[in-house]
Amino acid sequence: MQVETVEVKIGQTIIGGGRPVAVQSMLDCSTMDTAACVEQIGRLRAAGCRIVRLAVQGVREAENLANIRAAAVEAGYGDVALVADVHFAPQAAIAAAEHADKVRINPGNFGGADKNFIRLIEKCRKRGVALRVGVNHGSLASHIVERWGDTPRGMVESAMEYLRVCREFGFDQVVVSMKSSNVRVMVHAYRLLAATMRVEWMRYPLHLGVTEAGDGVAGRVKSAVGIGALLGEGLGDTIRVSLTEPPENEIVPALALVAHFKERRCKPSGIHEYCRRNAMPVGNIGGGRIPLLYSELDAEARAGISEGCVAMFLPDEFSATEADDHPVILYKKYLGTSPGTLPIKAAADFGAAFVDGLADGIRIMNRGTPQAELDALALMILQAARARMSSTEYIACPGCGRTSYDLQGALAEVRSRTSHLAGLRIAVMGCIVNGPGEMADADYGYVGEGAGRVTIYRGREVVRRGVPQAEAADILVEVIKKDGHIL
């Protein structure tokens, strides 16, 4: 059962008010290329998506939404809502409200909850347009960072500034998001936002997503850990699984997540920040050690299971108070779940406990799946939850109309040359709009700057600007080598 929220109309789709969780995606082509946009909208619609977002860099892109809508209606896609994604350009947001079904702004770069924001609210009210207050970790306004830091609390306060103005002006067609590439930050920020809104009697729907999740199984697992943790608590009215792949690839895992939680009983955690549970040591498990796979347990730890010194729980039946100070192993048998669906279900089931630091071990069972594959999946879940780093982590955005280079190809090349560097976090980002901020906790970054050029980062430090894409992977590798990593 979902937490109660107000209904918000986005084109022909209504979210909130106990309605089914809606899935959405974002186009990765230029918003000035009407034909390409309509073609992608058609592919997304065929996959089951009815809300699509488009990058709106300025007034020109905002005005072209009218042409895209007309062409989409002519093609039979009139039931797909168009969302304008605006950064740094309040006038573009106001112009987009003339043509879009929803406008997304980022409080960190909108310019303040001031007269431009009030004008946007009034334009949205007049046309029946929804608004998303979309906060991104790593791109908070300076006055927020100075007071609250680049933290979940800072993210919440960033949103609340704008939500209070919406309430003051009686505008309730508002959706809120708290996105981060760090799943732990993302989960705790959404929980804290939900609690803060309750205190102030706000019931705005939540848009859930892990930003820059990457691609492949790891990208799906990372999204499912974060989104699943919140859906399992009744939070979330619409979701996006962000993948560095063609947009329609996002819909299948998103629908799988929605289906997985459709009949589940909600279990709010009440946890708003990470705190590692202090379990006593039994053999090689507990005692503050990193979480283990069941296959890694030594003889003493295995004996402790039968002796009652190590507790075993199903992930959706566990709460920390039930285990006393015993180490906890979470386990579940999926009875022949398909290889495509298993990562989504397992990540959604197991992720929350490890995000919160509550469990000490994990065991995934699935008839017909080799143990090595199940162990690899378990390690992906632990890594996504920031509980145990066992491989290179790639922070990669899905791309949008702002991306001016081959993002998917760049990610594949960077991975092929660095995938053995366990524990490193490497970001591959499409543009500078959110790239430098949202890859804030990456060790190295590869960020598009326009016209096939790339900026290379070490942490938040710029190492080289204006690097041609053909040379960018080589330069990135050189920087990593100079820092003592063996490639």
Protein backbone atom coordinates (compact mmCIF):
# COMPACT_ATOMS: atom_id res chain seq x y z
CA MET A 1 0.00 0.00 0.00
CA GLN A 2 1.39 3.39 -1.03
CA VAL A 3 1.73 6.37 1.28
CA GLU A 4 -1.20 8.68 0.54
CA THR A 5 -0.43 11.56 -1.82
CA VAL A 6 -2.46 14.06 -3.83
CA GLU A 7 -3.34 13.31 -7.44
CA VAL A 8 -1.21 15.06 -10.06
CA LYS A 9 -2.26 15.06 -13.72
CA ILE A 10 0.54 14.71 -16.29
CA GLY A 11 -1.08 14.77 -19.71
CA GLN A 12 -3.47 11.81 -19.81
CA THR A 13 -1.71 10.06 -16.91
CA ILE A 14 -2.57 10.68 -13.26
CA ILE A 15 -0.13 9.77 -10.51
CA GLY A 16 -0.62 9.82 -6.76
CA GLY A 17 -3.87 9.32 -4.90
CA GLY A 18 -3.26 5.57 -4.63
CA ARG A 19 -3.08 5.07 -8.40
CA PRO A 20 -0.67 2.52 -9.92
CA VAL A 21 2.98 3.58 -9.99
CA ALA A 22 3.73 5.06 -13.42
CA VAL A 23 6.98 4.45 -15.30
CA GLN A 24 8.79 7.03 -17.39
CA SER A 25 11.94 7.67 -19.38
CA MET A 26 13.86 10.43 -21.18
CA LEU A 27 14.72 10.90 -24.83
CA ASP A 28 18.41 10.98 -25.71
CA CYS A 29 18.08 12.88 -28.99
CA SER A 30 18.05 16.62 -29.65
CA THR A 31 14.77 18.33 -28.83
CA MET A 32 15.22 20.30 -32.07
CA ASP A 33 15.08 17.04 -34.08
CA THR A 34 11.32 16.57 -34.21
CA ALA A 35 11.37 13.38 -36.27
CA ALA A 36 13.92 11.68 -34.01
CA CYS A 37 11.94 12.65 -30.91
CA VAL A 38 8.69 11.27 -32.30
CA GLU A 39 10.42 8.05 -33.34
CA GLN A 40 11.77 7.55 -29.81
CA ILE A 41 8.40 8.42 -28.28
CA GLY A 42 6.86 5.68 -30.41
CA ARG A 43 9.41 3.11 -29.22
CA LEU A 44 8.87 4.06 -25.60
CA ARG A 45 5.11 3.93 -25.97
CA ALA A 46 5.32 0.46 -27.49
CA ALA A 47 7.39 -0.63 -24.46
CA GLY A 48 4.68 0.57 -22.05
CA CYS A 49 5.77 4.12 -21.21
CA ARG A 50 3.33 7.05 -21.16
CA ILE A 51 5.53 9.83 -19.72
CA VAL A 52 8.66 11.01 -21.56
CA ARG A 53 11.07 13.80 -20.71
CA LEU A 54 12.98 16.00 -23.15
CA ALA A 55 16.00 18.23 -22.57
CA VAL A 56 15.07 21.91 -22.92
CA GLN A 57 18.21 24.03 -22.97
CA GLY A 58 16.51 27.27 -24.00
CA VAL A 59 13.41 28.96 -25.37
CA ARG A 60 14.04 27.54 -28.85
CA GLU A 61 13.77 23.95 -27.56
CA ALA A 62 10.76 24.89 -25.43
CA GLU A 63 8.90 26.21 -28.46
CA ASN A 64 9.72 23.14 -30.54
CA LEU A 65 7.76 21.03 -28.04
CA ALA A 66 4.67 22.26 -29.92
CA ASN A 67 5.94 20.69 -33.15
CA ILE A 68 6.87 17.47 -31.37
CA ARG A 69 3.43 17.22 -29.80
CA ALA A 70 1.66 17.81 -33.10
CA ALA A 71 3.76 15.18 -34.86
CA ALA A 72 3.32 12.71 -31.99
CA VAL A 73 -0.47 13.14 -32.08
CA GLU A 74 -0.47 12.62 -35.83
CA ALA A 75 1.54 9.42 -35.35
CA GLY A 76 -0.98 8.11 -32.80
CA TYR A 77 1.09 8.87 -29.70
CA GLY A 78 -1.12 11.59 -28.26
CA ASP A 79 -1.53 9.71 -24.98
CA VAL A 80 2.16 10.13 -24.15
CA ALA A 81 2.84 13.05 -21.80
CA LEU A 82 5.73 15.41 -22.63
CA VAL A 83 7.91 16.68 -19.78
CA ALA A 84 10.34 19.58 -20.26
CA ASP A 85 13.64 19.17 -18.41
CA VAL A 86 15.12 22.61 -17.73
CA HIS A 87 18.38 23.66 -16.08
CA PHE A 88 19.82 27.17 -15.58
CA ALA A 89 17.14 28.87 -17.71
CA PRO A 90 14.00 30.11 -15.89
CA GLN A 91 12.72 31.74 -19.09
CA ALA A 92 12.93 28.40 -20.88
CA ALA A 93 10.90 26.77 -18.09
CA ILE A 94 8.22 29.44 -18.37
CA ALA A 95 8.16 29.08 -22.17
CA ALA A 96 8.00 25.28 -21.89
CA ALA A 97 4.90 25.53 -19.71
CA GLU A 98 3.06 26.74 -22.83
CA HIS A 99 3.56 23.38 -24.53
CA ALA A 100 4.57 20.66 -22.03
CA ASP A 101 2.44 18.53 -19.72
CA LYS A 102 4.98 18.90 -16.93
CA VAL A 103 8.04 21.07 -16.36
CA ARG A 104 11.00 19.80 -14.34
CA ILE A 105 13.32 22.29 -12.66
CA ASN A 106 16.38 21.72 -10.47
CA PRO A 107 16.35 24.01 -7.40
CA GLY A 108 20.15 23.94 -7.41
CA ASN A 109 20.39 25.83 -10.67
CA PHE A 110 17.00 27.51 -11.20
CA GLY A 111 18.06 30.76 -9.58
CA GLY A 112 15.92 30.80 -6.44
CA ALA A 113 12.28 30.42 -5.39
CA ASP A 114 11.69 33.98 -6.54
CA LYS A 115 9.53 35.92 -8.99
CA ASN A 116 10.54 33.67 -11.91
CA PHE A 117 9.40 30.63 -9.95
CA ILE A 118 6.11 32.35 -9.08
CA ARG A 119 5.60 33.18 -12.77
CA LEU A 120 6.23 29.53 -13.60
CA ILE A 121 3.69 28.39 -11.01
CA GLU A 122 1.07 30.75 -12.39
CA LYS A 123 1.72 29.63 -15.97
CA CYS A 124 1.46 25.98 -14.93
CA ARG A 125 -1.78 26.64 -13.04
CA LYS A 126 -3.30 28.48 -15.99
CA ARG A 127 -2.57 25.67 -18.47
CA GLY A 128 -3.03 22.67 -16.15
CA VAL A 129 0.65 21.80 -16.31
CA ALA A 130 2.37 19.81 -13.56
CA LEU A 131 5.71 20.78 -12.02
CA ARG A 132 8.57 18.60 -10.78
CA VAL A 133 10.92 19.98 -8.17
CA GLY A 134 13.83 17.72 -9.04
CA VAL A 135 16.74 17.91 -6.60
CA ASN A 136 20.07 16.35 -7.61
CA HIS A 137 22.78 15.44 -5.12
CA GLY A 138 25.93 17.30 -6.08
CA SER A 139 24.17 20.28 -7.64
CA LEU A 140 22.72 22.04 -4.62
CA ALA A 141 22.66 25.83 -4.39
CA SER A 142 25.59 27.41 -2.55
CA HIS A 143 23.45 28.77 0.31
CA ILE A 144 22.13 25.26 0.95
CA VAL A 145 25.60 23.70 0.94
CA GLU A 146 26.93 26.40 3.26
CA ARG A 147 24.28 25.62 5.87
CA TRP A 148 23.49 21.93 5.41
CA GLY A 149 26.34 20.53 3.34
CA ASP A 150 25.98 18.33 0.26
CA THR A 151 23.88 15.90 2.30
CA PRO A 152 20.44 14.28 2.33
CA ARG A 153 19.31 17.03 4.71
CA GLY A 154 20.63 19.64 2.28
CA MET A 155 18.73 17.98 -0.57
CA VAL A 156 15.51 18.04 1.45
CA GLU A 157 15.91 21.67 2.46
CA SER A 158 16.55 22.56 -1.19
CA ALA A 159 13.21 21.04 -2.18
CA MET A 160 11.29 22.44 0.78
CA GLU A 161 12.16 26.04 -0.17
CA TYR A 162 10.24 25.55 -3.40
CA LEU A 163 7.47 23.39 -1.99
CA ARG A 164 6.62 26.03 0.61
CA VAL A 165 6.22 28.60 -2.15
CA CYS A 166 3.96 26.21 -4.08
CA ARG A 167 1.80 25.77 -0.99
CA GLU A 168 1.75 29.52 -0.32
CA PHE A 169 0.32 30.08 -3.81
CA GLY A 170 -2.13 27.18 -3.55
CA PHE A 171 -0.51 25.09 -6.29
CA ASP A 172 -0.58 21.34 -5.59
CA GLN A 173 0.20 19.82 -9.01
CA VAL A 174 3.74 19.17 -7.86
CA VAL A 175 5.99 16.10 -7.96
CA VAL A 176 9.27 15.89 -6.03
CA SER A 177 12.46 13.91 -6.57
CA MET A 178 15.71 13.42 -4.60
CA LYS A 179 18.12 11.81 -7.07
CA SER A 180 21.69 10.70 -6.50
CA SER A 181 24.12 8.21 -8.00
CA ASN A 182 24.92 7.18 -4.42
CA VAL A 183 22.08 4.81 -3.50
CA ARG A 184 22.56 5.30 0.23
CA VAL A 185 22.23 9.09 -0.15
CA MET A 186 19.24 8.68 -2.46
CA VAL A 187 17.28 6.36 -0.13
CA HIS A 188 17.89 8.39 2.99
CA ALA A 189 17.07 11.68 1.22
CA TYR A 190 13.69 10.39 0.02
CA ARG A 191 12.83 9.01 3.46
CA LEU A 192 13.80 12.28 5.10
CA LEU A 193 11.80 14.26 2.56
CA ALA A 194 8.71 12.12 3.16
CA ALA A 195 9.03 12.63 6.92
CA THR A 196 9.61 16.38 6.54
CA MET A 197 6.59 16.78 4.25
CA ARG A 198 4.41 14.90 6.74
CA VAL A 199 5.40 17.29 9.51
CA GLU A 200 4.38 20.24 7.31
CA TRP A 201 1.19 18.55 6.07
CA MET A 202 2.38 18.19 2.49
CA ARG A 203 1.38 15.20 0.36
CA TYR A 204 3.14 15.72 -2.95
CA PRO A 205 3.82 12.56 -5.03
CA LEU A 206 7.38 11.25 -5.27
CA HIS A 207 9.30 10.53 -8.46
CA LEU A 208 11.90 7.86 -7.63
CA GLY A 209 15.17 7.21 -9.40
CA VAL A 210 18.88 6.51 -8.99
CA THR A 211 20.67 8.87 -11.32
CA GLU A 212 23.73 7.85 -13.34
CA ALA A 213 23.17 4.13 -12.59
CA GLY A 214 25.15 2.96 -15.63
CA ASP A 215 24.18 0.06 -17.87
CA GLY A 216 23.79 -3.71 -18.05
CA VAL A 217 22.94 -5.87 -15.06
CA ALA A 218 24.88 -3.63 -12.68
CA GLY A 219 22.86 -0.58 -13.73
CA ARG A 220 19.59 -2.44 -13.25
CA VAL A 221 20.69 -3.75 -9.86
CA LYS A 222 21.74 -0.30 -8.68
CA SER A 223 18.40 1.21 -9.67
CA ALA A 224 16.45 -1.67 -8.14
CA VAL A 225 18.28 -1.40 -4.81
CA GLY A 226 17.38 2.26 -4.43
CA ILE A 227 13.91 2.30 -5.96
CA GLY A 228 13.00 -1.06 -4.40
CA ALA A 229 13.99 0.06 -0.90
CA LEU A 230 11.48 2.92 -1.16
CA LEU A 231 8.66 1.11 -2.97
CA GLY A 232 8.87 -1.51 -0.22
CA GLU A 233 8.08 1.24 2.28
CA GLY A 234 5.10 2.57 0.32
CA LEU A 235 6.97 5.57 -1.06
CA GLY A 236 6.88 6.44 -4.75
CA ASP A 237 4.23 7.31 -7.31
CA THR A 238 6.30 7.29 -10.50
CA ILE A 239 9.74 5.82 -11.25
CA ARG A 240 12.51 5.96 -13.79
CA VAL A 241 15.24 3.35 -14.17
CA SER A 242 18.06 5.44 -15.68
CA LEU A 243 20.34 3.38 -17.94
CA THR A 244 23.14 4.30 -20.33
CA GLU A 245 21.30 2.42 -23.07
CA PRO A 246 18.54 3.18 -25.59
CA PRO A 247 15.64 4.77 -23.63
CA GLU A 248 13.17 1.96 -24.27
CA ASN A 249 15.49 -0.45 -22.42
CA GLU A 250 14.56 1.33 -19.20
CA ILE A 251 10.91 0.32 -19.33
CA VAL A 252 11.13 -3.45 -18.82
CA PRO A 253 13.06 -3.25 -15.50
CA ALA A 254 10.84 -0.38 -14.35
CA LEU A 255 7.68 -2.38 -15.01
CA ALA A 256 9.25 -5.40 -13.29
CA LEU A 257 9.86 -3.31 -10.17
CA VAL A 258 6.30 -2.02 -10.15
CA ALA A 259 4.91 -5.53 -10.57
CA HIS A 260 7.16 -6.91 -7.82
CA PHE A 261 5.74 -4.53 -5.22
CA LYS A 262 2.15 -4.41 -6.42
CA GLU A 263 0.82 -6.82 -3.78
CA ARG A 264 3.53 -6.35 -1.14
CA ARG A 265 2.80 -5.13 2.38
CA CYS A 266 4.58 -1.84 3.07
CA LYS A 267 7.11 -1.77 5.90
CA PRO A 268 8.40 1.75 6.69
CA SER A 269 11.87 1.73 8.22
CA GLY A 270 11.97 5.10 9.96
CA ILE A 271 15.72 5.24 9.20
CA HIS A 272 17.03 8.50 7.77
CA GLU A 273 20.79 7.97 7.91
CA TYR A 274 23.30 5.15 7.68
CA CYS A 275 24.42 3.44 10.90
CA ARG A 276 26.22 0.09 10.78
CA ARG A 277 24.53 -2.39 13.14
CA ASN A 278 26.99 -3.64 15.75
CA ALA A 279 26.66 -7.44 15.78
CA MET A 280 28.90 -9.69 17.82
CA PRO A 281 31.52 -11.67 15.84
CA VAL A 282 30.89 -15.35 15.15
CA GLY A 283 33.72 -16.90 13.17
CA ASN A 284 34.34 -14.64 10.19
CA ILE A 285 30.96 -12.89 10.23
CA GLY A 286 29.74 -9.94 12.29
CA GLY A 287 31.85 -7.72 14.46
CA GLY A 288 31.59 -4.81 12.03
CA ARG A 289 33.18 -6.73 9.14
CA ILE A 290 32.02 -6.20 5.57
CA PRO A 291 28.95 -8.32 4.68
CA LEU A 292 29.79 -11.81 3.44
CA LEU A 293 28.33 -14.17 0.89
CA TYR A 294 27.00 -17.39 2.38
CA SER A 295 29.65 -19.29 0.41
CA GLU A 296 32.38 -17.31 2.22
CA LEU A 297 31.38 -18.35 5.75
CA ASP A 298 33.94 -20.35 7.68
CA ALA A 299 33.13 -23.48 9.72
CA GLU A 300 32.52 -21.57 12.96
CA ALA A 301 30.07 -19.17 11.32
CA ARG A 302 28.16 -22.04 9.67
CA ALA A 303 27.98 -23.86 13.00
CA GLY A 304 26.69 -20.64 14.54
CA ILE A 305 23.62 -20.79 12.30
CA SER A 306 22.49 -24.14 13.71
CA GLU A 307 23.43 -23.10 17.25
CA GLY A 308 21.36 -19.91 17.11
CA CYS A 309 24.39 -17.60 17.27
CA VAL A 310 23.86 -16.42 13.69
CA ALA A 311 20.33 -15.42 12.69
CA MET A 312 18.77 -16.14 9.28
CA PHE A 313 15.91 -13.96 8.00
CA LEU A 314 13.95 -13.46 4.81
CA PRO A 315 14.71 -9.89 3.70
CA ASP A 316 11.11 -8.68 3.89
CA GLU A 317 10.62 -10.14 7.38
CA PHE A 318 13.72 -8.72 9.03
CA SER A 319 13.97 -5.76 11.36
CA ALA A 320 17.10 -5.05 13.37
CA THR A 321 15.30 -5.30 16.73
CA GLU A 322 14.49 -8.97 16.12
CA ALA A 323 18.10 -10.15 15.95
CA ASP A 324 19.48 -8.91 19.30
CA ASP A 325 23.25 -8.68 18.81
CA HIS A 326 23.56 -11.77 16.58
CA PRO A 327 25.02 -11.48 13.07
CA VAL A 328 22.24 -11.60 10.49
CA ILE A 329 22.24 -13.41 7.16
CA LEU A 330 19.43 -12.56 4.76
CA TYR A 331 18.35 -15.35 2.43
CA LYS A 332 15.67 -16.03 -0.14
CA LYS A 333 14.89 -18.77 -2.67
CA TYR A 334 13.29 -17.61 -5.91
CA LEU A 335 12.24 -20.99 -7.36
CA GLY A 336 13.21 -20.61 -11.00
CA THR A 337 12.84 -16.88 -11.54
CA SER A 338 13.99 -15.93 -15.06
CA PRO A 339 17.56 -14.62 -15.46
CA GLY A 340 16.24 -11.28 -16.70
CA THR A 341 13.96 -10.73 -13.72
CA LEU A 342 16.04 -12.22 -10.90
CA PRO A 343 18.47 -9.27 -10.55
CA ILE A 344 15.57 -6.84 -10.25
CA LYS A 345 13.69 -8.88 -7.64
CA ALA A 346 16.74 -9.78 -5.58
CA ALA A 347 18.14 -6.25 -5.58
CA ALA A 348 14.77 -4.83 -4.56
CA ASP A 349 14.36 -7.42 -1.78
CA PHE A 350 17.84 -7.39 -0.26
CA GLY A 351 19.06 -3.86 -0.91
CA ALA A 352 17.36 -1.83 1.83
CA ALA A 353 18.89 -3.73 4.77
CA PHE A 354 22.40 -3.28 3.38
CA VAL A 355 21.78 0.39 2.51
CA ASP A 356 20.98 0.88 6.20
CA GLY A 357 23.91 -1.21 7.48
CA LEU A 358 21.69 -3.78 9.22
CA ALA A 359 22.78 -7.15 7.80
CA ASP A 360 26.01 -9.13 7.85
CA GLY A 361 25.53 -11.75 5.14
CA ILE A 362 23.53 -12.59 2.03
CA ARG A 363 22.38 -15.77 0.32
CA ILE A 364 20.42 -15.77 -2.94
CA MET A 365 19.01 -19.07 -4.24
CA ASN A 366 17.37 -19.68 -7.60
CA ARG A 367 16.75 -23.04 -9.17
CA GLY A 368 18.71 -23.48 -12.38
CA THR A 369 21.13 -20.58 -11.84
CA PRO A 370 24.80 -21.51 -11.22
CA GLN A 371 26.11 -20.55 -7.80
CA ALA A 372 28.85 -18.39 -9.33
CA GLU A 373 26.21 -16.24 -11.02
CA LEU A 374 24.21 -15.93 -7.80
CA ASP A 375 27.33 -14.89 -5.91
CA ALA A 376 28.15 -12.31 -8.59
CA LEU A 377 24.63 -10.90 -8.25
CA ALA A 378 24.96 -10.75 -4.46
CA LEU A 379 28.20 -8.79 -4.80
CA MET A 380 26.50 -6.34 -7.20
CA ILE A 381 23.76 -5.77 -4.63
CA LEU A 382 26.26 -5.17 -1.84
CA GLN A 383 28.21 -2.75 -4.03
CA ALA A 384 25.10 -0.86 -5.11
CA ALA A 385 24.17 -0.48 -1.43
CA ARG A 386 27.70 0.82 -0.68
CA ALA A 387 28.14 -2.05 1.76
CA ARG A 388 31.07 -3.77 0.03
CA MET A 389 33.14 -2.68 -2.96
CA SER A 390 34.33 -5.64 -5.04
CA SER A 391 34.59 -4.22 -8.56
CA THR A 392 34.98 -0.93 -10.42
CA GLU A 393 31.88 1.22 -10.07
CA TYR A 394 30.77 3.19 -13.12
CA ILE A 395 28.68 6.31 -12.59
CA ALA A 396 27.22 6.94 -16.04
CA CYS A 397 24.29 9.08 -17.10
CA PRO A 398 21.75 7.83 -19.64
CA GLY A 399 22.31 10.72 -22.02
CA CYS A 400 19.79 13.25 -23.29
CA GLY A 401 19.43 15.97 -25.89
CA ARG A 402 22.38 17.81 -24.34
CA THR A 403 24.81 14.95 -25.02
CA SER A 404 27.13 15.74 -27.92
CA TYR A 405 29.26 12.59 -28.16
CA ASP A 406 28.92 8.79 -28.23
CA LEU A 407 28.19 8.26 -24.54
CA GLN A 408 27.41 4.54 -24.74
CA GLY A 409 30.54 3.87 -26.78
CA ALA A 410 32.65 5.91 -24.36
CA LEU A 411 31.35 3.94 -21.37
CA ALA A 412 32.12 0.65 -23.12
CA GLU A 413 35.67 1.77 -23.94
CA VAL A 414 36.38 3.08 -20.45
CA ARG A 415 35.02 -0.12 -18.90
CA SER A 416 37.12 -2.33 -21.19
CA ARG A 417 40.29 -0.64 -19.94
CA THR A 418 39.51 -0.18 -16.23
CA SER A 419 37.11 -2.95 -15.13
CA HIS A 420 39.78 -4.70 -13.04
CA LEU A 421 40.29 -1.72 -10.71
CA ALA A 422 38.14 -2.93 -7.82
CA GLY A 423 36.97 -0.16 -5.52
CA LEU A 424 37.49 2.76 -7.92
CA ARG A 425 34.54 4.89 -8.96
CA ILE A 426 34.75 6.21 -12.52
CA ALA A 427 32.15 8.58 -13.96
CA VAL A 428 31.24 8.87 -17.64
CA MET A 429 28.87 11.82 -18.02
CA GLY A 430 27.10 13.26 -21.03
CA CYS A 431 27.40 16.98 -20.36
CA ILE A 432 28.42 19.67 -17.90
CA VAL A 433 24.85 20.55 -16.82
CA ASN A 434 24.86 18.09 -13.92
CA GLY A 435 27.91 15.99 -14.71
CA PRO A 436 30.55 17.58 -12.45
CA GLY A 437 28.11 17.77 -9.52
CA GLU A 438 26.44 14.40 -9.80
CA MET A 439 29.74 12.56 -10.10
CA ALA A 440 30.88 14.32 -6.93
CA ASP A 441 32.05 11.18 -5.14
CA ALA A 442 33.75 9.60 -8.18
CA ASP A 443 37.51 9.11 -8.16
CA TYR A 444 37.81 10.01 -11.85
CA GLY A 445 35.51 11.60 -14.39
CA TYR A 446 35.03 11.72 -18.17
CA VAL A 447 32.55 14.53 -18.90
CA GLY A 448 31.28 15.77 -22.26
CA GLU A 449 31.75 19.50 -22.83
CA GLY A 450 30.24 19.83 -26.32
CA ALA A 451 31.23 19.26 -29.97
CA GLY A 452 32.84 15.88 -29.35
CA ARG A 453 35.13 17.23 -26.63
CA VAL A 454 35.66 15.83 -23.14
CA THR A 455 36.93 17.14 -19.79
CA ILE A 456 38.92 14.72 -17.62
CA TYR A 457 38.58 14.97 -13.84
CA ARG A 458 40.40 13.61 -10.82
CA GLY A 459 37.73 13.83 -8.15
CA ARG A 460 36.39 17.38 -8.50
CA GLU A 461 39.68 18.67 -9.97
CA VAL A 462 39.83 19.36 -13.71
CA VAL A 463 42.90 17.65 -15.18
CA ARG A 464 42.41 18.34 -18.91
CA ARG A 465 39.79 20.29 -20.87
CA GLY A 466 38.93 20.14 -24.55
CA VAL A 467 40.15 16.59 -25.12
CA PRO A 468 38.87 15.05 -28.41
CA GLN A 469 36.77 11.98 -27.68
CA ALA A 470 39.13 9.80 -29.74
CA GLU A 471 41.89 10.59 -27.22
CA ALA A 472 39.87 10.91 -24.03
CA ALA A 473 40.06 7.29 -22.84
CA ASP A 474 43.85 7.34 -23.31
CA ILE A 475 44.17 10.53 -21.27
CA LEU A 476 41.93 9.12 -18.53
CA VAL A 477 44.04 5.97 -18.34
CA GLU A 478 47.23 8.05 -18.15
CA VAL A 479 45.85 9.99 -15.18
CA ILE A 480 44.83 6.79 -13.39
CA LYS A 481 48.27 5.26 -14.02
CA LYS A 482 50.06 8.35 -12.70
CA ASP A 483 48.11 7.94 -9.47
CA GLY A 484 49.64 4.50 -8.97
CA HIS A 485 46.85 2.24 -10.23
CA ILE A 486 48.00 -0.66 -12.38
CA LEU A 487 46.27 -0.97 -15.75
